[in-house]
Amino acid sequence: MTREEHRTINEAAFPQLKSTIDATYPPRQFVAIAGGRIVADDADFEKLREKLRSLGIDIWNALVERAGDDTPDYLEIL
């Protein structure tokens, strides 16, 4: 599967998982989604990377979001 395919799957899953992430994990906790499901979390990004590596998941094939973060992924500047 290509990185683009991984990204498409994970980005499609994120809106359905966001309320679970926000309710389950502490604010600002890093949460990784791979294969359309939550696979790891950690307060420290480097530790999260290590957890993904130990699961055999390339960081580029995961979507990492922060619990409780409502910052939009992009902004329009007029």
PDB file of N, CA and C in Angstrom:
ATOM      1  N   MET A   1       0.849  -1.168   0.000  1.00  0.00           N
ATOM      2  CA  MET A   1       0.000   0.000   0.000  1.00  0.00           C
ATOM      3  C   MET A   1       0.906   1.245   0.000  1.00  0.00           C
ATOM      4  N   THR A   2       0.526   2.247  -0.754  1.00  0.00           N
ATOM      5  CA  THR A   2       1.325   3.468  -0.839  1.00  0.00           C
ATOM      6  C   THR A   2       1.050   4.377   0.363  1.00  0.00           C
ATOM      7  N   ARG A   3       1.937   5.338   0.571  1.00  0.00           N
ATOM      8  CA  ARG A   3       1.724   6.314   1.647  1.00  0.00           C
ATOM      9  C   ARG A   3       0.414   7.061   1.450  1.00  0.00           C
ATOM     10  N   GLU A   4       0.131   7.392   0.204  1.00  0.00           N
ATOM     11  CA  GLU A   4      -1.107   8.108  -0.110  1.00  0.00           C
ATOM     12  C   GLU A   4      -2.325   7.274   0.277  1.00  0.00           C
ATOM     13  N   GLU A   5      -2.278   5.980   0.016  1.00  0.00           N
ATOM     14  CA  GLU A   5      -3.398   5.102   0.390  1.00  0.00           C
ATOM     15  C   GLU A   5      -3.547   5.021   1.912  1.00  0.00           C
ATOM     16  N   HIS A   6      -2.419   4.917   2.612  1.00  0.00           N
ATOM     17  CA  HIS A   6      -2.459   4.919   4.081  1.00  0.00           C
ATOM     18  C   HIS A   6      -3.076   6.223   4.579  1.00  0.00           C
ATOM     19  N   ARG A   7      -2.623   7.331   4.021  1.00  0.00           N
ATOM     20  CA  ARG A   7      -3.112   8.640   4.436  1.00  0.00           C
ATOM     21  C   ARG A   7      -4.621   8.766   4.216  1.00  0.00           C
ATOM     22  N   THR A   8      -5.096   8.312   3.073  1.00  0.00           N
ATOM     23  CA  THR A   8      -6.518   8.380   2.751  1.00  0.00           C
ATOM     24  C   THR A   8      -7.345   7.596   3.767  1.00  0.00           C
ATOM     25  N   ILE A   9      -6.906   6.401   4.096  1.00  0.00           N
ATOM     26  CA  ILE A   9      -7.616   5.553   5.068  1.00  0.00           C
ATOM     27  C   ILE A   9      -7.639   6.208   6.443  1.00  0.00           C
ATOM     28  N   ASN A  10      -6.476   6.703   6.876  1.00  0.00           N
ATOM     29  CA  ASN A  10      -6.384   7.273   8.214  1.00  0.00           C
ATOM     30  C   ASN A  10      -7.133   8.595   8.332  1.00  0.00           C
ATOM     31  N   GLU A  11      -7.069   9.417   7.308  1.00  0.00           N
ATOM     32  CA  GLU A  11      -7.805  10.679   7.338  1.00  0.00           C
ATOM     33  C   GLU A  11      -9.313  10.450   7.286  1.00  0.00           C
ATOM     34  N   ALA A  12      -9.750   9.409   6.600  1.00  0.00           N
ATOM     35  CA  ALA A  12     -11.176   9.085   6.565  1.00  0.00           C
ATOM     36  C   ALA A  12     -11.653   8.586   7.933  1.00  0.00           C
ATOM     37  N   ALA A  13     -10.795   7.889   8.652  1.00  0.00           N
ATOM     38  CA  ALA A  13     -11.172   7.334   9.954  1.00  0.00           C
ATOM     39  C   ALA A  13     -11.157   8.395  11.057  1.00  0.00           C
ATOM     40  N   PHE A  14     -10.316   9.400  10.915  1.00  0.00           N
ATOM     41  CA  PHE A  14     -10.135  10.366  11.996  1.00  0.00           C
ATOM     42  C   PHE A  14     -11.433  11.037  12.463  1.00  0.00           C
ATOM     43  N   PRO A  15     -12.292  11.545  11.591  1.00  0.00           N
ATOM     44  CA  PRO A  15     -13.512  12.197  12.091  1.00  0.00           C
ATOM     45  C   PRO A  15     -14.373  11.278  12.966  1.00  0.00           C
ATOM     46  N   GLN A  16     -14.419   9.991  12.647  1.00  0.00           N
ATOM     47  CA  GLN A  16     -15.189   9.048  13.449  1.00  0.00           C
ATOM     48  C   GLN A  16     -14.500   8.750  14.786  1.00  0.00           C
ATOM     49  N   LEU A  17     -13.170   8.857  14.819  1.00  0.00           N
ATOM     50  CA  LEU A  17     -12.413   8.538  16.027  1.00  0.00           C
ATOM     51  C   LEU A  17     -12.191   9.746  16.940  1.00  0.00           C
ATOM     52  N   LYS A  18     -12.370  10.948  16.428  1.00  0.00           N
ATOM     53  CA  LYS A  18     -12.029  12.155  17.187  1.00  0.00           C
ATOM     54  C   LYS A  18     -12.742  12.232  18.530  1.00  0.00           C
ATOM     55  N   SER A  19     -14.027  11.973  18.589  1.00  0.00           N
ATOM     56  CA  SER A  19     -14.736  12.072  19.873  1.00  0.00           C
ATOM     57  C   SER A  19     -14.218  11.029  20.869  1.00  0.00           C
ATOM     58  N   THR A  20     -13.886   9.841  20.386  1.00  0.00           N
ATOM     59  CA  THR A  20     -13.311   8.803  21.252  1.00  0.00           C
ATOM     60  C   THR A  20     -11.943   9.237  21.756  1.00  0.00           C
ATOM     61  N   ILE A  21     -11.132   9.783  20.870  1.00  0.00           N
ATOM     62  CA  ILE A  21      -9.795  10.249  21.253  1.00  0.00           C
ATOM     63  C   ILE A  21      -9.914  11.329  22.327  1.00  0.00           C
ATOM     64  N   ASP A  22     -10.766  12.322  22.089  1.00  0.00           N
ATOM     65  CA  ASP A  22     -10.900  13.430  23.032  1.00  0.00           C
ATOM     66  C   ASP A  22     -11.452  12.981  24.380  1.00  0.00           C
ATOM     67  N   ALA A  23     -12.317  11.970  24.385  1.00  0.00           N
ATOM     68  CA  ALA A  23     -12.914  11.484  25.629  1.00  0.00           C
ATOM     69  C   ALA A  23     -12.014  10.505  26.380  1.00  0.00           C
ATOM     70  N   THR A  24     -11.113   9.830  25.662  1.00  0.00           N
ATOM     71  CA  THR A  24     -10.327   8.750  26.252  1.00  0.00           C
ATOM     72  C   THR A  24      -8.927   9.168  26.684  1.00  0.00           C
ATOM     73  N   TYR A  25      -8.317  10.064  25.938  1.00  0.00           N
ATOM     74  CA  TYR A  25      -6.921  10.418  26.180  1.00  0.00           C
ATOM     75  C   TYR A  25      -6.805  11.800  26.804  1.00  0.00           C
ATOM     76  N   PRO A  26      -5.754  12.019  27.609  1.00  0.00           N
ATOM     77  CA  PRO A  26      -5.562  13.337  28.218  1.00  0.00           C
ATOM     78  C   PRO A  26      -5.351  14.412  27.146  1.00  0.00           C
ATOM     79  N   PRO A  27      -5.744  15.645  27.441  1.00  0.00           N
ATOM     80  CA  PRO A  27      -5.519  16.720  26.471  1.00  0.00           C
ATOM     81  C   PRO A  27      -4.051  16.793  26.040  1.00  0.00           C
ATOM     82  N   ARG A  28      -3.852  16.999  24.751  1.00  0.00           N
ATOM     83  CA  ARG A  28      -2.546  17.151  24.113  1.00  0.00           C
ATOM     84  C   ARG A  28      -1.746  15.844  24.011  1.00  0.00           C
ATOM     85  N   GLN A  29      -2.352  14.715  24.387  1.00  0.00           N
ATOM     86  CA  GLN A  29      -1.708  13.408  24.218  1.00  0.00           C
ATOM     87  C   GLN A  29      -1.613  13.107  22.726  1.00  0.00           C
ATOM     88  N   PHE A  30      -0.464  12.643  22.267  1.00  0.00           N
ATOM     89  CA  PHE A  30      -0.311  12.229  20.877  1.00  0.00           C
ATOM     90  C   PHE A  30      -0.985  10.877  20.691  1.00  0.00           C
ATOM     91  N   VAL A  31      -1.800  10.773  19.642  1.00  0.00           N
ATOM     92  CA  VAL A  31      -2.515   9.535  19.346  1.00  0.00           C
ATOM     93  C   VAL A  31      -2.266   9.190  17.880  1.00  0.00           C
ATOM     94  N   ALA A  32      -1.830   7.958  17.621  1.00  0.00           N
ATOM     95  CA  ALA A  32      -1.516   7.518  16.259  1.00  0.00           C
ATOM     96  C   ALA A  32      -2.632   6.630  15.719  1.00  0.00           C
ATOM     97  N   ILE A  33      -3.015   6.926  14.482  1.00  0.00           N
ATOM     98  CA  ILE A  33      -4.010   6.133  13.764  1.00  0.00           C
ATOM     99  C   ILE A  33      -3.316   5.481  12.582  1.00  0.00           C
ATOM    100  N   ALA A  34      -3.453   4.184  12.455  1.00  0.00           N
ATOM    101  CA  ALA A  34      -2.895   3.440  11.321  1.00  0.00           C
ATOM    102  C   ALA A  34      -3.899   2.361  10.946  1.00  0.00           C
ATOM    103  N   GLY A  35      -4.063   2.153   9.669  1.00  0.00           N
ATOM    104  CA  GLY A  35      -5.039   1.172   9.223  1.00  0.00           C
ATOM    105  C   GLY A  35      -6.463   1.550   9.615  1.00  0.00           C
ATOM    106  N   GLY A  36      -6.684   2.848   9.861  1.00  0.00           N
ATOM    107  CA  GLY A  36      -8.008   3.309  10.216  1.00  0.00           C
ATOM    108  C   GLY A  36      -8.405   3.079  11.660  1.00  0.00           C
ATOM    109  N   ARG A  37      -7.421   2.737  12.512  1.00  0.00           N
ATOM    110  CA  ARG A  37      -7.739   2.515  13.922  1.00  0.00           C
ATOM    111  C   ARG A  37      -6.630   3.093  14.799  1.00  0.00           C
ATOM    112  N   ILE A  38      -6.948   3.337  16.047  1.00  0.00           N
ATOM    113  CA  ILE A  38      -5.971   3.853  17.002  1.00  0.00           C
ATOM    114  C   ILE A  38      -5.020   2.713  17.351  1.00  0.00           C
ATOM    115  N   VAL A  39      -3.711   2.978  17.197  1.00  0.00           N
ATOM    116  CA  VAL A  39      -2.733   1.921  17.435  1.00  0.00           C
ATOM    117  C   VAL A  39      -1.755   2.231  18.556  1.00  0.00           C
ATOM    118  N   ALA A  40      -1.586   3.519  18.913  1.00  0.00           N
ATOM    119  CA  ALA A  40      -0.624   3.878  19.954  1.00  0.00           C
ATOM    120  C   ALA A  40      -0.891   5.294  20.422  1.00  0.00           C
ATOM    121  N   ASP A  41      -0.391   5.579  21.629  1.00  0.00           N
ATOM    122  CA  ASP A  41      -0.470   6.938  22.151  1.00  0.00           C
ATOM    123  C   ASP A  41       0.669   7.163  23.128  1.00  0.00           C
ATOM    124  N   ASP A  42       1.017   8.424  23.321  1.00  0.00           N
ATOM    125  CA  ASP A  42       2.027   8.792  24.308  1.00  0.00           C
ATOM    126  C   ASP A  42       2.034  10.307  24.442  1.00  0.00           C
ATOM    127  N   ALA A  43       2.430  10.795  25.593  1.00  0.00           N
ATOM    128  CA  ALA A  43       2.548  12.235  25.806  1.00  0.00           C
ATOM    129  C   ALA A  43       3.785  12.789  25.103  1.00  0.00           C
ATOM    130  N   ASP A  44       4.767  11.930  24.860  1.00  0.00           N
ATOM    131  CA  ASP A  44       6.030  12.317  24.228  1.00  0.00           C
ATOM    132  C   ASP A  44       6.050  11.803  22.786  1.00  0.00           C
ATOM    133  N   PHE A  45       6.248  12.713  21.837  1.00  0.00           N
ATOM    134  CA  PHE A  45       6.212  12.333  20.426  1.00  0.00           C
ATOM    135  C   PHE A  45       7.280  11.302  20.074  1.00  0.00           C
ATOM    136  N   GLU A  46       8.487  11.467  20.600  1.00  0.00           N
ATOM    137  CA  GLU A  46       9.553  10.505  20.292  1.00  0.00           C
ATOM    138  C   GLU A  46       9.231   9.116  20.827  1.00  0.00           C
ATOM    139  N   LYS A  47       8.624   9.057  21.991  1.00  0.00           N
ATOM    140  CA  LYS A  47       8.216   7.757  22.539  1.00  0.00           C
ATOM    141  C   LYS A  47       7.117   7.140  21.682  1.00  0.00           C
ATOM    142  N   LEU A  48       6.226   7.978  21.171  1.00  0.00           N
ATOM    143  CA  LEU A  48       5.184   7.473  20.265  1.00  0.00           C
ATOM    144  C   LEU A  48       5.823   6.884  19.015  1.00  0.00           C
ATOM    145  N   ARG A  49       6.819   7.574  18.464  1.00  0.00           N
ATOM    146  CA  ARG A  49       7.533   7.052  17.290  1.00  0.00           C
ATOM    147  C   ARG A  49       8.145   5.688  17.589  1.00  0.00           C
ATOM    148  N   GLU A  50       8.731   5.545  18.769  1.00  0.00           N
ATOM    149  CA  GLU A  50       9.322   4.261  19.172  1.00  0.00           C
ATOM    150  C   GLU A  50       8.250   3.174  19.262  1.00  0.00           C
ATOM    151  N   LYS A  51       7.102   3.522  19.815  1.00  0.00           N
ATOM    152  CA  LYS A  51       6.008   2.540  19.913  1.00  0.00           C
ATOM    153  C   LYS A  51       5.559   2.102  18.522  1.00  0.00           C
ATOM    154  N   LEU A  52       5.423   3.060  17.609  1.00  0.00           N
ATOM    155  CA  LEU A  52       5.039   2.702  16.242  1.00  0.00           C
ATOM    156  C   LEU A  52       6.085   1.796  15.611  1.00  0.00           C
ATOM    157  N   ARG A  53       7.349   2.150  15.794  1.00  0.00           N
ATOM    158  CA  ARG A  53       8.437   1.342  15.241  1.00  0.00           C
ATOM    159  C   ARG A  53       8.383  -0.080  15.786  1.00  0.00           C
ATOM    160  N   SER A  54       8.101  -0.219  17.096  1.00  0.00           N
ATOM    161  CA  SER A  54       8.044  -1.565  17.697  1.00  0.00           C
ATOM    162  C   SER A  54       6.855  -2.373  17.171  1.00  0.00           C
ATOM    163  N   LEU A  55       5.823  -1.659  16.695  1.00  0.00           N
ATOM    164  CA  LEU A  55       4.663  -2.329  16.090  1.00  0.00           C
ATOM    165  C   LEU A  55       4.877  -2.611  14.602  1.00  0.00           C
ATOM    166  N   GLY A  56       6.015  -2.146  14.077  1.00  0.00           N
ATOM    167  CA  GLY A  56       6.297  -2.345  12.654  1.00  0.00           C
ATOM    168  C   GLY A  56       5.555  -1.363  11.761  1.00  0.00           C
ATOM    169  N   ILE A  57       5.173  -0.214  12.331  1.00  0.00           N
ATOM    170  CA  ILE A  57       4.435   0.791  11.573  1.00  0.00           C
ATOM    171  C   ILE A  57       5.350   1.969  11.273  1.00  0.00           C
ATOM    172  N   ASP A  58       5.507   2.293  10.010  1.00  0.00           N
ATOM    173  CA  ASP A  58       6.286   3.443   9.581  1.00  0.00           C
ATOM    174  C   ASP A  58       5.512   4.703   9.958  1.00  0.00           C
ATOM    175  N   ILE A  59       6.183   5.665  10.571  1.00  0.00           N
ATOM    176  CA  ILE A  59       5.531   6.905  10.981  1.00  0.00           C
ATOM    177  C   ILE A  59       4.822   7.583   9.812  1.00  0.00           C
ATOM    178  N   TRP A  60       5.348   7.413   8.606  1.00  0.00           N
ATOM    179  CA  TRP A  60       4.752   8.023   7.419  1.00  0.00           C
ATOM    180  C   TRP A  60       3.447   7.359   7.014  1.00  0.00           C
ATOM    181  N   ASN A  61       3.174   6.177   7.570  1.00  0.00           N
ATOM    182  CA  ASN A  61       1.940   5.463   7.260  1.00  0.00           C
ATOM    183  C   ASN A  61       0.900   5.620   8.365  1.00  0.00           C
ATOM    184  N   ALA A  62       1.168   6.519   9.303  1.00  0.00           N
ATOM    185  CA  ALA A  62       0.243   6.770  10.409  1.00  0.00           C
ATOM    186  C   ALA A  62      -0.157   8.239  10.405  1.00  0.00           C
ATOM    187  N   LEU A  63      -1.298   8.507  10.982  1.00  0.00           N
ATOM    188  CA  LEU A  63      -1.766   9.864  11.196  1.00  0.00           C
ATOM    189  C   LEU A  63      -1.640  10.121  12.687  1.00  0.00           C
ATOM    190  N   VAL A  64      -0.921  11.160  13.059  1.00  0.00           N
ATOM    191  CA  VAL A  64      -0.738  11.492  14.472  1.00  0.00           C
ATOM    192  C   VAL A  64      -1.494  12.783  14.765  1.00  0.00           C
ATOM    193  N   GLU A  65      -2.387  12.705  15.726  1.00  0.00           N
ATOM    194  CA  GLU A  65      -3.172  13.851  16.161  1.00  0.00           C
ATOM    195  C   GLU A  65      -3.004  14.001  17.662  1.00  0.00           C
ATOM    196  N   ARG A  66      -3.446  15.142  18.185  1.00  0.00           N
ATOM    197  CA  ARG A  66      -3.388  15.371  19.628  1.00  0.00           C
ATOM    198  C   ARG A  66      -4.802  15.416  20.189  1.00  0.00           C
ATOM    199  N   ALA A  67      -4.994  14.718  21.282  1.00  0.00           N
ATOM    200  CA  ALA A  67      -6.300  14.712  21.940  1.00  0.00           C
ATOM    201  C   ALA A  67      -6.675  16.125  22.367  1.00  0.00           C
ATOM    202  N   GLY A  68      -7.930  16.476  22.152  1.00  0.00           N
ATOM    203  CA  GLY A  68      -8.430  17.766  22.575  1.00  0.00           C
ATOM    204  C   GLY A  68      -7.978  18.941  21.735  1.00  0.00           C
ATOM    205  N   ASP A  69      -7.288  18.693  20.641  1.00  0.00           N
ATOM    206  CA  ASP A  69      -6.791  19.772  19.788  1.00  0.00           C
ATOM    207  C   ASP A  69      -7.828  20.088  18.726  1.00  0.00           C
ATOM    208  N   ASP A  70      -8.392  21.281  18.796  1.00  0.00           N
ATOM    209  CA  ASP A  70      -9.389  21.707  17.823  1.00  0.00           C
ATOM    210  C   ASP A  70      -8.825  22.671  16.799  1.00  0.00           C
ATOM    211  N   THR A  71      -7.496  22.768  16.745  1.00  0.00           N
ATOM    212  CA  THR A  71      -6.854  23.638  15.765  1.00  0.00           C
ATOM    213  C   THR A  71      -7.087  23.074  14.375  1.00  0.00           C
ATOM    214  N   PRO A  72      -7.573  23.885  13.451  1.00  0.00           N
ATOM    215  CA  PRO A  72      -7.790  23.366  12.091  1.00  0.00           C
ATOM    216  C   PRO A  72      -6.455  22.997  11.430  1.00  0.00           C
ATOM    217  N   ASP A  73      -6.510  22.037  10.518  1.00  0.00           N
ATOM    218  CA  ASP A  73      -5.303  21.601   9.816  1.00  0.00           C
ATOM    219  C   ASP A  73      -4.806  22.663   8.834  1.00  0.00           C
ATOM    220  N   TYR A  74      -5.678  23.598   8.488  1.00  0.00           N
ATOM    221  CA  TYR A  74      -5.273  24.673   7.585  1.00  0.00           C
ATOM    222  C   TYR A  74      -6.066  25.924   7.913  1.00  0.00           C
ATOM    223  N   LEU A  75      -5.551  27.047   7.513  1.00  0.00           N
ATOM    224  CA  LEU A  75      -6.229  28.324   7.697  1.00  0.00           C
ATOM    225  C   LEU A  75      -6.258  29.069   6.388  1.00  0.00           C
ATOM    226  N   GLU A  76      -7.330  29.799   6.174  1.00  0.00           N
ATOM    227  CA  GLU A  76      -7.395  30.675   5.012  1.00  0.00           C
ATOM    228  C   GLU A  76      -7.035  32.071   5.472  1.00  0.00           C
ATOM    229  N   ILE A  77      -6.047  32.650   4.842  1.00  0.00           N
ATOM    230  CA  ILE A  77      -5.638  34.009   5.164  1.00  0.00           C
ATOM    231  C   ILE A  77      -6.079  34.899   4.020  1.00  0.00           C
ATOM    232  N   LEU A  78      -6.896  35.863   4.368  1.00  0.00           N
ATOM    233  CA  LEU A  78      -7.426  36.773   3.350  1.00  0.00           C
ATOM    234  C   LEU A  78      -6.526  37.975   3.174  1.00  0.00           C
TER     235      LEU A  78
END
